[in-house]
C-alpha atoms as a PDB file:
ATOM      1  CA  MET A   1      -1.982  27.654 -17.182  1.00  0.00           C
ATOM      2  CA  HIS A   2      -3.556  24.017 -16.349  1.00  0.00           C
ATOM      3  CA  ARG A   3      -2.554  22.746 -12.966  1.00  0.00           C
ATOM      4  CA  ARG A   4      -0.649  19.428 -13.135  1.00  0.00           C
ATOM      5  CA  LEU A   5      -2.955  16.848 -11.584  1.00  0.00           C
ATOM      6  CA  ALA A   6      -1.291  13.447  -9.647  1.00  0.00           C
ATOM      7  CA  PRO A   7      -1.197  10.436 -12.163  1.00  0.00           C
ATOM      8  CA  LEU A   8      -3.258   7.446 -11.029  1.00  0.00           C
ATOM      9  CA  SER A   9      -1.985   3.882 -10.293  1.00  0.00           C
ATOM     10  CA  VAL A  10      -4.438   0.701  -9.453  1.00  0.00           C
ATOM     11  CA  ASN A  11      -3.762  -1.329  -6.733  1.00  0.00           C
ATOM     12  CA  THR A  12      -4.724  -4.932  -8.440  1.00  0.00           C
ATOM     13  CA  ALA A  13      -6.816  -5.801  -5.325  1.00  0.00           C
ATOM     14  CA  THR A  14      -9.365  -2.945  -6.362  1.00  0.00           C
ATOM     15  CA  LEU A  15     -10.210  -5.298  -9.418  1.00  0.00           C
ATOM     16  CA  GLY A  16     -11.156  -8.322  -7.118  1.00  0.00           C
ATOM     17  CA  PHE A  17      -8.585 -10.724  -8.859  1.00  0.00           C
ATOM     18  CA  LYS A  18     -11.695 -11.740 -11.499  1.00  0.00           C
ATOM     19  CA  GLN A  19      -9.407 -11.508 -14.314  1.00  0.00           C
ATOM     20  CA  PRO A  20      -5.637 -12.562 -15.286  1.00  0.00           C
ATOM     21  CA  LEU A  21      -2.999  -9.629 -14.842  1.00  0.00           C
ATOM     22  CA  PRO A  22      -2.499  -9.340 -18.721  1.00  0.00           C
ATOM     23  CA  VAL A  23      -5.858  -8.454 -18.829  1.00  0.00           C
ATOM     24  CA  VAL A  24      -5.768  -6.004 -16.343  1.00  0.00           C
ATOM     25  CA  VAL A  25      -2.940  -4.392 -17.552  1.00  0.00           C
ATOM     26  CA  GLU A  26      -4.589  -3.851 -20.990  1.00  0.00           C
ATOM     27  CA  ALA A  27      -7.673  -2.342 -19.010  1.00  0.00           C
ATOM     28  CA  LEU A  28      -5.437   0.046 -17.440  1.00  0.00           C
ATOM     29  CA  ALA A  29      -3.041   0.868 -20.149  1.00  0.00           C
ATOM     30  CA  ARG A  30      -6.436   1.897 -22.552  1.00  0.00           C
ATOM     31  CA  ARG A  31      -8.026   4.221 -19.543  1.00  0.00           C
ATOM     32  CA  SER A  32      -4.412   6.245 -20.016  1.00  0.00           C
ATOM     33  CA  VAL A  33      -3.815   5.191 -16.199  1.00  0.00           C
ATOM     34  CA  GLN A  34      -0.327   5.404 -15.487  1.00  0.00           C
ATOM     35  CA  GLY A  35       0.676   2.881 -12.713  1.00  0.00           C
ATOM     36  CA  ILE A  36      -0.442  -0.689 -11.090  1.00  0.00           C
ATOM     37  CA  ALA A  37       0.493  -2.385  -8.159  1.00  0.00           C
ATOM     38  CA  PRO A  38       0.681  -5.710  -8.335  1.00  0.00           C
ATOM     39  CA  TRP A  39       0.039  -8.481  -5.746  1.00  0.00           C
ATOM     40  CA  ARG A  40       2.211 -11.276  -5.397  1.00  0.00           C
ATOM     41  CA  ARG A  41      -0.681 -13.846  -5.713  1.00  0.00           C
ATOM     42  CA  GLU A  42      -0.792 -13.143  -9.316  1.00  0.00           C
ATOM     43  CA  PHE A  43       3.114 -14.710  -9.876  1.00  0.00           C
ATOM     44  CA  GLN A  44       1.246 -18.126  -9.800  1.00  0.00           C
ATOM     45  CA  ASP A  45      -0.277 -17.466 -13.112  1.00  0.00           C
ATOM     46  CA  THR A  46       1.826 -14.786 -14.488  1.00  0.00           C
ATOM     47  CA  PRO A  47       5.816 -15.266 -14.279  1.00  0.00           C
ATOM     48  CA  VAL A  48       7.449 -12.249 -12.619  1.00  0.00           C
ATOM     49  CA  LYS A  49       9.810 -11.552 -15.934  1.00  0.00           C
ATOM     50  CA  GLU A  50       6.516 -11.724 -17.602  1.00  0.00           C
ATOM     51  CA  ALA A  51       4.417  -9.466 -15.657  1.00  0.00           C
ATOM     52  CA  ARG A  52       7.284  -7.035 -15.690  1.00  0.00           C
ATOM     53  CA  ARG A  53       7.484  -7.065 -19.661  1.00  0.00           C
ATOM     54  CA  ILE A  54       3.848  -7.161 -20.389  1.00  0.00           C
ATOM     55  CA  ILE A  55       3.630  -3.980 -17.895  1.00  0.00           C
ATOM     56  CA  ALA A  56       6.410  -1.960 -19.267  1.00  0.00           C
ATOM     57  CA  ASP A  57       5.310  -2.407 -22.615  1.00  0.00           C
ATOM     58  CA  ALA A  58       2.007  -0.901 -22.143  1.00  0.00           C
ATOM     59  CA  GLY A  59       3.650   1.981 -20.575  1.00  0.00           C
ATOM     60  CA  LEU A  60       2.468   1.321 -17.048  1.00  0.00           C
ATOM     61  CA  GLN A  61       4.754   2.167 -13.821  1.00  0.00           C
ATOM     62  CA  VAL A  62       5.225  -0.262 -11.000  1.00  0.00           C
ATOM     63  CA  THR A  63       4.413   1.765  -7.802  1.00  0.00           C
ATOM     64  CA  SER A  64       4.416  -1.036  -5.016  1.00  0.00           C
ATOM     65  CA  LEU A  65       4.346  -4.863  -4.610  1.00  0.00           C
ATOM     66  CA  CYS A  66       1.789  -6.122  -2.019  1.00  0.00           C
ATOM     67  CA  ARG A  67       2.460  -7.403   0.007  1.00  0.00           C
ATOM     68  CA  GLY A  68       5.277  -9.283   2.330  1.00  0.00           C
ATOM     69  CA  SER A  69       4.100 -11.969   4.955  1.00  0.00           C
ATOM     70  CA  TYR A  70       3.085 -10.988   8.303  1.00  0.00           C
ATOM     71  CA  LEU A  71       6.278 -10.702  10.183  1.00  0.00           C
ATOM     72  CA  THR A  72       5.341 -11.840  13.942  1.00  0.00           C
ATOM     73  CA  PHE A  73       5.730 -15.535  15.302  1.00  0.00           C
ATOM     74  CA  ALA A  74       5.122 -18.199  17.277  1.00  0.00           C
ATOM     75  CA  SER A  75       8.205 -20.365  17.316  1.00  0.00           C
ATOM     76  CA  ASP A  76      11.480 -20.072  15.967  1.00  0.00           C
ATOM     77  CA  HIS A  77      10.241 -22.463  12.667  1.00  0.00           C
ATOM     78  CA  GLN A  78       7.704 -19.869  11.996  1.00  0.00           C
ATOM     79  CA  ARG A  79      10.152 -17.112  12.336  1.00  0.00           C
ATOM     80  CA  ARG A  80      12.498 -18.757   9.800  1.00  0.00           C
ATOM     81  CA  ALA A  81       9.864 -19.624   7.411  1.00  0.00           C
ATOM     82  CA  ILE A  82       8.873 -16.102   7.312  1.00  0.00           C
ATOM     83  CA  LEU A  83      12.291 -14.602   6.834  1.00  0.00           C
ATOM     84  CA  GLU A  84      12.562 -16.933   3.689  1.00  0.00           C
ATOM     85  CA  ASP A  85       9.059 -15.867   2.515  1.00  0.00           C
ATOM     86  CA  ASN A  86       9.613 -11.869   2.906  1.00  0.00           C
ATOM     87  CA  ARG A  87      13.002 -12.634   1.128  1.00  0.00           C
ATOM     88  CA  ARG A  88      11.082 -14.417  -1.896  1.00  0.00           C
ATOM     89  CA  ALA A  89       9.011 -11.242  -1.693  1.00  0.00           C
ATOM     90  CA  ILE A  90      12.170  -8.940  -1.873  1.00  0.00           C
ATOM     91  CA  ASP A  91      13.326 -10.666  -5.280  1.00  0.00           C
ATOM     92  CA  GLU A  92      10.024 -10.851  -6.817  1.00  0.00           C
ATOM     93  CA  ALA A  93       9.764  -6.916  -5.900  1.00  0.00           C
ATOM     94  CA  ALA A  94      13.414  -6.452  -7.713  1.00  0.00           C
ATOM     95  CA  ALA A  95      12.457  -8.545 -10.634  1.00  0.00           C
ATOM     96  CA  MET A  96       9.090  -6.210 -10.915  1.00  0.00           C
ATOM     97  CA  GLY A  97      11.163  -3.299 -10.640  1.00  0.00           C
ATOM     98  CA  ALA A  98       8.896  -2.000  -7.587  1.00  0.00           C
ATOM     99  CA  PRO A  99      10.717   0.685  -5.604  1.00  0.00           C
ATOM    100  CA  THR A 100       8.836  -0.739  -2.339  1.00  0.00           C
ATOM    101  CA  LEU A 101       7.681  -3.712  -1.050  1.00  0.00           C
ATOM    102  CA  CYS A 102       4.596  -3.212   1.147  1.00  0.00           C
ATOM    103  CA  MET A 103       4.990  -4.717   4.629  1.00  0.00           C
ATOM    104  CA  VAL A 104       1.676  -5.353   6.586  1.00  0.00           C
ATOM    105  CA  VAL A 105       3.592  -6.892   9.853  1.00  0.00           C
ATOM    106  CA  GLY A 106       1.007  -8.962  11.731  1.00  0.00           C
ATOM    107  CA  GLY A 107      -0.928  -9.120  14.792  1.00  0.00           C
ATOM    108  CA  LEU A 108      -0.275 -10.991  18.053  1.00  0.00           C
ATOM    109  CA  PRO A 109       1.258 -14.537  17.413  1.00  0.00           C
ATOM    110  CA  GLU A 110      -0.077 -17.388  18.924  1.00  0.00           C
ATOM    111  CA  GLY A 111      -0.278 -17.362  22.846  1.00  0.00           C
ATOM    112  CA  VAL A 112       1.040 -13.969  22.922  1.00  0.00           C
ATOM    113  CA  ARG A 113      -1.501 -10.689  24.462  1.00  0.00           C
ATOM    114  CA  ASP A 114       1.683  -7.893  24.139  1.00  0.00           C
ATOM    115  CA  LEU A 115       1.328  -5.274  21.430  1.00  0.00           C
ATOM    116  CA  ALA A 116       4.797  -3.853  22.561  1.00  0.00           C
ATOM    117  CA  GLN A 117       6.384  -8.051  22.204  1.00  0.00           C
ATOM    118  CA  ALA A 118       4.552  -8.369  19.039  1.00  0.00           C
ATOM    119  CA  ARG A 119       6.506  -4.600  17.792  1.00  0.00           C
ATOM    120  CA  ASP A 120       9.514  -5.964  19.024  1.00  0.00           C
ATOM    121  CA  GLN A 121       9.137  -8.840  16.956  1.00  0.00           C
ATOM    122  CA  VAL A 122       8.681  -6.727  14.023  1.00  0.00           C
ATOM    123  CA  ALA A 123      11.584  -4.592  14.083  1.00  0.00           C
ATOM    124  CA  GLU A 124      13.778  -7.828  15.028  1.00  0.00           C
ATOM    125  CA  GLN A 125      12.626  -9.407  11.346  1.00  0.00           C
ATOM    126  CA  LEU A 126      12.787  -6.020   9.743  1.00  0.00           C
ATOM    127  CA  ALA A 127      16.304  -5.971  11.040  1.00  0.00           C
ATOM    128  CA  ALA A 128      17.368  -8.666   9.592  1.00  0.00           C
ATOM    129  CA  LEU A 129      15.292  -8.121   6.192  1.00  0.00           C
ATOM    130  CA  VAL A 130      16.891  -5.047   5.258  1.00  0.00           C
ATOM    131  CA  PRO A 131      20.298  -6.448   4.213  1.00  0.00           C
ATOM    132  CA  HIS A 132      18.515  -8.138   1.596  1.00  0.00           C
ATOM    133  CA  ALA A 133      16.202  -5.692   0.489  1.00  0.00           C
ATOM    134  CA  ARG A 134      19.361  -3.087   0.197  1.00  0.00           C
ATOM    135  CA  ALA A 135      21.195  -5.639  -1.928  1.00  0.00           C
ATOM    136  CA  HIS A 136      18.202  -5.496  -4.451  1.00  0.00           C
ATOM    137  CA  GLN A 137      17.632  -2.129  -4.123  1.00  0.00           C
ATOM    138  CA  VAL A 138      14.344  -2.680  -2.904  1.00  0.00           C
ATOM    139  CA  ARG A 139      12.719  -0.239  -0.090  1.00  0.00           C
ATOM    140  CA  LEU A 140      10.455  -1.409   2.838  1.00  0.00           C
ATOM    141  CA  SER A 141       7.354  -0.087   3.415  1.00  0.00           C
ATOM    142  CA  VAL A 142       5.766  -0.763   7.093  1.00  0.00           C
ATOM    143  CA  GLU A 143       2.123  -0.073   6.308  1.00  0.00           C
ATOM    144  CA  PRO A 144       0.136   0.927   9.456  1.00  0.00           C
ATOM    145  CA  LEU A 145      -3.246  -0.524   9.905  1.00  0.00           C
ATOM    146  CA  HIS A 146      -6.114   0.602  11.798  1.00  0.00           C
ATOM    147  CA  PRO A 147      -6.757  -0.196  15.026  1.00  0.00           C
ATOM    148  CA  MET A 148      -9.371  -2.998  14.516  1.00  0.00           C
ATOM    149  CA  TYR A 149      -6.504  -4.989  12.892  1.00  0.00           C
ATOM    150  CA  ALA A 150      -4.496  -5.240  16.340  1.00  0.00           C
ATOM    151  CA  ALA A 151      -5.244  -8.695  17.004  1.00  0.00           C
ATOM    152  CA  ASP A 152      -4.967 -10.199  13.501  1.00  0.00           C
ATOM    153  CA  ARG A 153      -3.567  -7.981  11.264  1.00  0.00           C
ATOM    154  CA  SER A 154      -1.234  -5.506  12.522  1.00  0.00           C
ATOM    155  CA  CYS A 155       0.069  -4.670  15.691  1.00  0.00           C
ATOM    156  CA  ILE A 156       1.198  -1.302  14.415  1.00  0.00           C
ATOM    157  CA  SER A 157      -1.857   0.716  14.211  1.00  0.00           C
ATOM    158  CA  THR A 158      -0.598   4.647  13.964  1.00  0.00           C
ATOM    159  CA  LEU A 159       1.761   6.348  12.098  1.00  0.00           C
ATOM    160  CA  ALA A 160       4.204   6.963  14.789  1.00  0.00           C
ATOM    161  CA  GLN A 161       4.179   3.546  15.891  1.00  0.00           C
ATOM    162  CA  ALA A 162       5.540   2.919  12.336  1.00  0.00           C
ATOM    163  CA  LEU A 163       7.997   5.823  12.343  1.00  0.00           C
ATOM    164  CA  ASP A 164       8.877   4.420  15.852  1.00  0.00           C
ATOM    165  CA  ILE A 165      10.105   0.812  14.306  1.00  0.00           C
ATOM    166  CA  CYS A 166      11.919   2.915  11.377  1.00  0.00           C
ATOM    167  CA  ASP A 167      13.850   4.842  13.547  1.00  0.00           C
ATOM    168  CA  ARG A 168      14.671   1.800  15.449  1.00  0.00           C
ATOM    169  CA  ILE A 169      16.014  -0.177  12.447  1.00  0.00           C
ATOM    170  CA  GLY A 170      17.498   3.127  10.094  1.00  0.00           C
ATOM    171  CA  PRO A 171      17.329   4.992   7.405  1.00  0.00           C
ATOM    172  CA  ASP A 172      16.217   1.729   4.961  1.00  0.00           C
ATOM    173  CA  LEU A 173      12.946   1.658   6.007  1.00  0.00           C
ATOM    174  CA  GLY A 174       9.716   4.103   5.090  1.00  0.00           C
ATOM    175  CA  VAL A 175       6.371   3.685   5.214  1.00  0.00           C
ATOM    176  CA  MET A 176       3.275   3.483   3.160  1.00  0.00           C
ATOM    177  CA  ILE A 177       0.061   5.816   4.021  1.00  0.00           C
ATOM    178  CA  ASP A 178      -3.225   4.455   3.647  1.00  0.00           C
ATOM    179  CA  ALA A 179      -6.143   6.811   3.834  1.00  0.00           C
ATOM    180  CA  TYR A 180      -8.708   3.794   5.185  1.00  0.00           C
ATOM    181  CA  HIS A 181      -5.901   3.210   8.163  1.00  0.00           C
ATOM    182  CA  LEU A 182      -5.159   6.615   8.739  1.00  0.00           C
ATOM    183  CA  TRP A 183      -8.225   8.971   8.112  1.00  0.00           C
ATOM    184  CA  TRP A 184      -9.286   8.932  11.489  1.00  0.00           C
ATOM    185  CA  ASP A 185      -5.471  10.139  13.298  1.00  0.00           C
ATOM    186  CA  PRO A 186      -5.708  13.185  14.825  1.00  0.00           C
ATOM    187  CA  GLU A 187      -1.354  13.038  14.829  1.00  0.00           C
ATOM    188  CA  PHE A 188      -1.708  12.402  10.906  1.00  0.00           C
ATOM    189  CA  ALA A 189      -0.025  15.319   9.716  1.00  0.00           C
ATOM    190  CA  ALA A 190       2.553  15.897  12.329  1.00  0.00           C
ATOM    191  CA  GLY A 191       3.294  12.074  11.452  1.00  0.00           C
ATOM    192  CA  LEU A 192       3.802  12.954   7.774  1.00  0.00           C
ATOM    193  CA  ALA A 193       6.002  16.018   8.315  1.00  0.00           C
ATOM    194  CA  ARG A 194       7.935  13.758  11.098  1.00  0.00           C
ATOM    195  CA  ALA A 195       8.578  11.097   8.408  1.00  0.00           C
ATOM    196  CA  GLY A 196       9.886  13.227   5.768  1.00  0.00           C
ATOM    197  CA  GLN A 197       9.895  13.220   1.721  1.00  0.00           C
ATOM    198  CA  ASP A 198      12.202  10.495   2.150  1.00  0.00           C
ATOM    199  CA  ARG A 199      10.408   8.081   4.283  1.00  0.00           C
ATOM    200  CA  LEU A 200       6.975   8.316   2.313  1.00  0.00           C
ATOM    201  CA  LEU A 201       7.065   4.940  -0.001  1.00  0.00           C
ATOM    202  CA  GLY A 202       3.500   5.059  -1.131  1.00  0.00           C
ATOM    203  CA  TRP A 203       0.237   6.892  -1.090  1.00  0.00           C
ATOM    204  CA  GLN A 204      -3.063   4.438  -1.388  1.00  0.00           C
ATOM    205  CA  ILE A 205      -6.716   6.267  -1.070  1.00  0.00           C
ATOM    206  CA  CYS A 206     -10.137   4.285  -1.111  1.00  0.00           C
ATOM    207  CA  ASP A 207     -12.843   5.797   0.849  1.00  0.00           C
ATOM    208  CA  TRP A 208     -14.433   4.329   4.500  1.00  0.00           C
ATOM    209  CA  ARG A 209     -18.071   3.774   4.646  1.00  0.00           C
ATOM    210  CA  ALA A 210     -20.452   5.641   7.630  1.00  0.00           C
ATOM    211  CA  VAL A 211     -21.830   2.357   7.779  1.00  0.00           C
ATOM    212  CA  THR A 212     -18.930  -0.503   7.645  1.00  0.00           C
ATOM    213  CA  ARG A 213     -20.824  -4.302   6.965  1.00  0.00           C
ATOM    214  CA  ASP A 214     -17.477  -6.128   6.996  1.00  0.00           C
ATOM    215  CA  LEU A 215     -14.271  -4.761   8.458  1.00  0.00           C
ATOM    216  CA  LEU A 216     -11.886  -5.994   5.956  1.00  0.00           C
ATOM    217  CA  GLN A 217     -13.908  -6.378   2.638  1.00  0.00           C
ATOM    218  CA  ASP A 218     -16.465  -3.378   2.465  1.00  0.00           C
ATOM    219  CA  ARG A 219     -13.958  -0.231   1.937  1.00  0.00           C
ATOM    220  CA  GLY A 220     -15.840   2.330  -0.341  1.00  0.00           C
ATOM    221  CA  MET A 221     -15.045   3.362  -3.667  1.00  0.00           C
ATOM    222  CA  ILE A 222     -13.678   7.119  -3.903  1.00  0.00           C
ATOM    223  CA  GLY A 223     -16.570   9.399  -3.156  1.00  0.00           C
ATOM    224  CA  ASP A 224     -18.611   6.588  -1.189  1.00  0.00           C
ATOM    225  CA  GLY A 225     -17.789   7.638   2.098  1.00  0.00           C
ATOM    226  CA  VAL A 226     -16.499  10.052   4.575  1.00  0.00           C
ATOM    227  CA  ILE A 227     -12.666  10.557   4.288  1.00  0.00           C
ATOM    228  CA  ASP A 228     -11.139  13.980   3.601  1.00  0.00           C
ATOM    229  CA  LEU A 229      -9.092  12.866   0.991  1.00  0.00           C
ATOM    230  CA  LYS A 230      -8.402  16.295  -0.514  1.00  0.00           C
ATOM    231  CA  ARG A 231      -6.923  17.463   3.069  1.00  0.00           C
ATOM    232  CA  MET A 232      -5.051  14.113   3.363  1.00  0.00           C
ATOM    233  CA  HIS A 233      -3.356  14.444  -0.038  1.00  0.00           C
ATOM    234  CA  ARG A 234      -2.427  18.061   0.996  1.00  0.00           C
ATOM    235  CA  ASP A 235      -0.891  16.866   3.829  1.00  0.00           C
ATOM    236  CA  MET A 236       1.212  14.488   1.881  1.00  0.00           C
ATOM    237  CA  LEU A 237       2.366  17.280  -0.443  1.00  0.00           C
ATOM    238  CA  GLU A 238       3.207  19.598   2.174  1.00  0.00           C
ATOM    239  CA  ALA A 239       5.279  16.432   3.719  1.00  0.00           C
ATOM    240  CA  GLY A 240       7.097  16.431   0.457  1.00  0.00           C
ATOM    241  CA  TRP A 241       5.032  13.864  -1.630  1.00  0.00           C
ATOM    242  CA  ARG A 242       5.295  13.558  -5.463  1.00  0.00           C
ATOM    243  CA  GLY A 243       4.330  10.288  -6.836  1.00  0.00           C
ATOM    244  CA  MET A 244       1.418   8.462  -7.828  1.00  0.00           C
ATOM    245  CA  ILE A 245      -1.945   8.001  -5.950  1.00  0.00           C
ATOM    246  CA  GLU A 246      -2.805   3.956  -5.649  1.00  0.00           C
ATOM    247  CA  VAL A 247      -6.496   3.000  -5.371  1.00  0.00           C
ATOM    248  CA  GLU A 248      -6.689   0.115  -3.161  1.00  0.00           C
ATOM    249  CA  ILE A 249     -10.149  -1.363  -2.749  1.00  0.00           C
ATOM    250  CA  PHE A 250     -11.272  -4.590  -0.700  1.00  0.00           C
ATOM    251  CA  SER A 251     -14.915  -5.020  -1.827  1.00  0.00           C
ATOM    252  CA  GLY A 252     -16.251  -8.412  -1.690  1.00  0.00           C
ATOM    253  CA  LEU A 253     -19.717  -7.229  -0.492  1.00  0.00           C
ATOM    254  CA  ASP A 254     -19.645  -4.801  -3.288  1.00  0.00           C
ATOM    255  CA  TRP A 255     -17.522  -4.159  -6.227  1.00  0.00           C
ATOM    256  CA  ASP A 256     -15.810  -7.635  -6.807  1.00  0.00           C
ATOM    257  CA  HIS A 257     -19.251  -8.800  -8.105  1.00  0.00           C
ATOM    258  CA  ARG A 258     -19.503  -6.310 -10.852  1.00  0.00           C
ATOM    259  CA  PRO A 259     -17.691  -6.298 -14.200  1.00  0.00           C
ATOM    260  CA  MET A 260     -14.009  -5.025 -14.124  1.00  0.00           C
ATOM    261  CA  ASP A 261     -15.048  -2.044 -16.541  1.00  0.00           C
ATOM    262  CA  GLU A 262     -17.458  -1.189 -14.269  1.00  0.00           C
ATOM    263  CA  THR A 263     -15.465  -0.729 -11.411  1.00  0.00           C
ATOM    264  CA  LEU A 264     -12.431   0.866 -13.704  1.00  0.00           C
ATOM    265  CA  ASP A 265     -14.707   3.414 -15.304  1.00  0.00           C
ATOM    266  CA  VAL A 266     -16.033   4.705 -12.353  1.00  0.00           C
ATOM    267  CA  LEU A 267     -12.871   5.010 -10.382  1.00  0.00           C
ATOM    268  CA  CYS A 268     -11.415   6.956 -12.905  1.00  0.00           C
ATOM    269  CA  ALA A 269     -14.247   9.056 -13.493  1.00  0.00           C
ATOM    270  CA  ARG A 270     -14.281   9.485  -9.092  1.00  0.00           C
ATOM    271  CA  PHE A 271     -10.320  10.072  -9.157  1.00  0.00           C
ATOM    272  CA  ALA A 272     -10.651  12.376 -12.302  1.00  0.00           C
ATOM    273  CA  ASP A 273     -13.619  14.493 -10.027  1.00  0.00           C
ATOM    274  CA  LEU A 274     -10.892  14.748  -7.174  1.00  0.00           C
ATOM    275  CA  ALA A 275      -8.907  16.535  -9.127  1.00  0.00           C
ATOM    276  CA  LEU A 276      -5.900  15.866  -6.569  1.00  0.00           C
ATOM    277  CA  PRO A 277      -2.585  18.192  -7.681  1.00  0.00           C
ATOM    278  CA  ALA A 278       0.812  16.724  -8.035  1.00  0.00           C
ATOM    279  CA  GLU A 279       2.388  19.397  -6.512  1.00  0.00           C
ATOM    280  CA  PRO A 280       1.494  22.145  -3.655  1.00  0.00           C
ATOM    281  CA  VAL A 281      -0.870  24.928  -5.002  1.00  0.00           C
ATOM    282  CA  SER A 282       0.691  28.121  -4.067  1.00  0.00           C
ATOM    283  CA  THR A 283      -1.344  30.778  -2.167  1.00  0.00           C
ATOM    284  CA  PHE A 284       0.798  33.654  -3.321  1.00  0.00           C
END
């Protein structure tokens, strides 16, 4: 009996936003990719309802919507604007049929050097957003980012910190697990066990180049770096994950300059070579 392999979803950032969403969807469907994770920016050219129809007609499943706007703030006016934009993002996720809205929470607001204060702001903002998300049946997934982004993109750097926020707010929140951000974390497996199946809302992969040329735009294609993706996936399965695997690669220095078809062909081949199972492999 053949082992069932985990299904692939492609985060559209991987393709550099060079093609409109309908073209991307057609290319994914042609390669029998099962999922897609669009970004909100694509709704400027393809309205949300049209995007949902195109994706559904192609037989693809939306695995997440990227992403909410940063939650940290330097003024009350900014705080209110952030809440307004994130409520719109929740509306868009619901309209897309996305089960989760990925939340990259933001770094230190202007004039602040206290990461704990920034995390308090994140907790405050998420608590204010939860009722709107619950009413629209969208889960908010807090994504911890690598510590190199602590100042400007995410004051939440570890899975433990993300789960602390979830514990503080309640069961409506969960976490987005990204191999690029958490591959180094010695408490990764323990954090997944603490999260439990219900709070694991997404699983994203790419690779980490041993020599990284840019902190944001030099993620590696699967197999071009040092991350033990098989081990991390095994940990995810043991913690209860049974969903798709999103490939999300920001690569303004490399893959964004290649034809979309080349990127997808290499991505699909590398993903197939990983042969990641959809459920734990029995040792008996």
